[in-house]
Amino acid sequence: MLQVSGNTLLQVKKFKYLGEVFASDEMLSKEIDTQTGKVNPVLRELYRSVVTKRELSNTVKLSVFKSVFVLLPVVMNLG
């Protein structure tokens, strides 16, 4: 058992924090693997359709990437 400010905390097998489930049996790693598997095709398509386009300026490319990396975690939590 763990004590914080005089309160005893019990050990649990799993708990949810900020929308993610943390578990003592490494279920979080499975969740991370699942999320990574969903993100990889999106990033591949983004690379193909944005990064390789010579007609887009670096400023535009950077803007697109910033938008994706800010919104991607939000979208992944909705799915």
C-alpha atoms as a PDB file:
ATOM      1  CA  MET A   1       0.000   0.000   0.000  1.00  0.00           C
ATOM      2  CA  LEU A   2       0.993   3.585  -0.645  1.00  0.00           C
ATOM      3  CA  GLN A   3       0.267   6.564   1.577  1.00  0.00           C
ATOM      4  CA  VAL A   4      -0.156  10.102   0.253  1.00  0.00           C
ATOM      5  CA  SER A   5      -0.820  12.942   2.693  1.00  0.00           C
ATOM      6  CA  GLY A   6      -1.898  10.416   5.308  1.00  0.00           C
ATOM      7  CA  ASN A   7      -4.344   8.682   2.954  1.00  0.00           C
ATOM      8  CA  THR A   8      -3.823   5.038   2.082  1.00  0.00           C
ATOM      9  CA  LEU A   9      -4.090   4.273  -1.630  1.00  0.00           C
ATOM     10  CA  LEU A  10      -5.051   0.790  -2.664  1.00  0.00           C
ATOM     11  CA  GLN A  11      -3.377  -0.929  -5.584  1.00  0.00           C
ATOM     12  CA  VAL A  12      -5.765  -1.620  -8.422  1.00  0.00           C
ATOM     13  CA  LYS A  13      -5.396  -3.761 -11.522  1.00  0.00           C
ATOM     14  CA  LYS A  14      -6.461  -0.956 -13.863  1.00  0.00           C
ATOM     15  CA  PHE A  15      -7.620   2.652 -13.848  1.00  0.00           C
ATOM     16  CA  LYS A  16      -8.665   5.255 -16.377  1.00  0.00           C
ATOM     17  CA  TYR A  17      -6.892   8.614 -16.604  1.00  0.00           C
ATOM     18  CA  LEU A  18      -7.469  11.243 -19.301  1.00  0.00           C
ATOM     19  CA  GLY A  19      -9.306   8.742 -21.468  1.00  0.00           C
ATOM     20  CA  GLU A  20      -6.606   6.054 -21.345  1.00  0.00           C
ATOM     21  CA  VAL A  21      -6.805   2.836 -19.374  1.00  0.00           C
ATOM     22  CA  PHE A  22      -3.686   1.962 -17.408  1.00  0.00           C
ATOM     23  CA  ALA A  23      -3.431  -1.671 -16.356  1.00  0.00           C
ATOM     24  CA  SER A  24      -0.954  -3.755 -14.417  1.00  0.00           C
ATOM     25  CA  ASP A  25      -0.971  -6.416 -17.144  1.00  0.00           C
ATOM     26  CA  GLU A  26       0.572  -4.157 -19.816  1.00  0.00           C
ATOM     27  CA  MET A  27      -2.717  -3.496 -21.566  1.00  0.00           C
ATOM     28  CA  LEU A  28      -1.533   0.087 -22.124  1.00  0.00           C
ATOM     29  CA  SER A  29       1.212  -1.166 -24.441  1.00  0.00           C
ATOM     30  CA  LYS A  30      -1.425  -2.980 -26.475  1.00  0.00           C
ATOM     31  CA  GLU A  31      -3.484   0.216 -26.630  1.00  0.00           C
ATOM     32  CA  ILE A  32      -0.441   2.201 -27.762  1.00  0.00           C
ATOM     33  CA  ASP A  33       0.269  -0.401 -30.452  1.00  0.00           C
ATOM     34  CA  THR A  34      -3.339  -0.117 -31.635  1.00  0.00           C
ATOM     35  CA  GLN A  35      -3.207   3.691 -31.761  1.00  0.00           C
ATOM     36  CA  THR A  36       0.151   3.620 -33.564  1.00  0.00           C
ATOM     37  CA  GLY A  37      -1.296   1.215 -36.113  1.00  0.00           C
ATOM     38  CA  LYS A  38      -4.094   3.686 -36.820  1.00  0.00           C
ATOM     39  CA  VAL A  39      -1.770   6.674 -37.137  1.00  0.00           C
ATOM     40  CA  ASN A  40       0.867   5.169 -39.444  1.00  0.00           C
ATOM     41  CA  PRO A  41      -1.336   5.061 -42.586  1.00  0.00           C
ATOM     42  CA  VAL A  42      -2.398   8.673 -41.978  1.00  0.00           C
ATOM     43  CA  LEU A  43       1.209   9.850 -41.725  1.00  0.00           C
ATOM     44  CA  ARG A  44       2.189   7.824 -44.786  1.00  0.00           C
ATOM     45  CA  GLU A  45      -0.582   9.457 -46.819  1.00  0.00           C
ATOM     46  CA  LEU A  46       0.335  12.871 -45.476  1.00  0.00           C
ATOM     47  CA  TYR A  47       3.928  12.356 -46.572  1.00  0.00           C
ATOM     48  CA  ARG A  48       2.857  11.175 -50.017  1.00  0.00           C
ATOM     49  CA  SER A  49       0.337  13.935 -50.623  1.00  0.00           C
ATOM     50  CA  VAL A  50       2.098  16.906 -48.974  1.00  0.00           C
ATOM     51  CA  VAL A  51       5.824  16.435 -48.434  1.00  0.00           C
ATOM     52  CA  THR A  52       6.575  15.151 -51.911  1.00  0.00           C
ATOM     53  CA  LYS A  53       4.678  17.965 -53.678  1.00  0.00           C
ATOM     54  CA  ARG A  54       7.182  20.456 -55.052  1.00  0.00           C
ATOM     55  CA  GLU A  55       4.484  23.000 -55.824  1.00  0.00           C
ATOM     56  CA  LEU A  56       3.795  23.478 -52.086  1.00  0.00           C
ATOM     57  CA  SER A  57       6.042  25.867 -50.185  1.00  0.00           C
ATOM     58  CA  ASN A  58       7.823  24.746 -47.050  1.00  0.00           C
ATOM     59  CA  THR A  59       5.637  27.172 -45.096  1.00  0.00           C
ATOM     60  CA  VAL A  60       2.480  25.432 -46.323  1.00  0.00           C
ATOM     61  CA  LYS A  61       3.954  21.992 -45.613  1.00  0.00           C
ATOM     62  CA  LEU A  62       4.926  23.029 -42.102  1.00  0.00           C
ATOM     63  CA  SER A  63       1.475  24.494 -41.498  1.00  0.00           C
ATOM     64  CA  VAL A  64      -0.190  21.234 -42.583  1.00  0.00           C
ATOM     65  CA  PHE A  65       2.080  19.151 -40.367  1.00  0.00           C
ATOM     66  CA  LYS A  66       1.496  21.398 -37.354  1.00  0.00           C
ATOM     67  CA  SER A  67      -2.260  21.143 -37.881  1.00  0.00           C
ATOM     68  CA  VAL A  68      -2.134  17.365 -38.109  1.00  0.00           C
ATOM     69  CA  PHE A  69       0.077  16.866 -35.070  1.00  0.00           C
ATOM     70  CA  VAL A  70      -2.097  19.154 -32.968  1.00  0.00           C
ATOM     71  CA  LEU A  71      -5.385  17.583 -34.087  1.00  0.00           C
ATOM     72  CA  LEU A  72      -4.315  13.934 -34.379  1.00  0.00           C
ATOM     73  CA  PRO A  73      -4.372  13.168 -30.624  1.00  0.00           C
ATOM     74  CA  VAL A  74      -7.821  14.755 -30.355  1.00  0.00           C
ATOM     75  CA  VAL A  75      -9.187  12.753 -33.280  1.00  0.00           C
ATOM     76  CA  MET A  76      -7.650   9.502 -32.009  1.00  0.00           C
ATOM     77  CA  ASN A  77      -9.405   9.917 -28.641  1.00  0.00           C
ATOM     78  CA  LEU A  78     -12.750  10.387 -30.402  1.00  0.00           C
ATOM     79  CA  GLY A  79     -12.366   7.193 -32.405  1.00  0.00           C
END
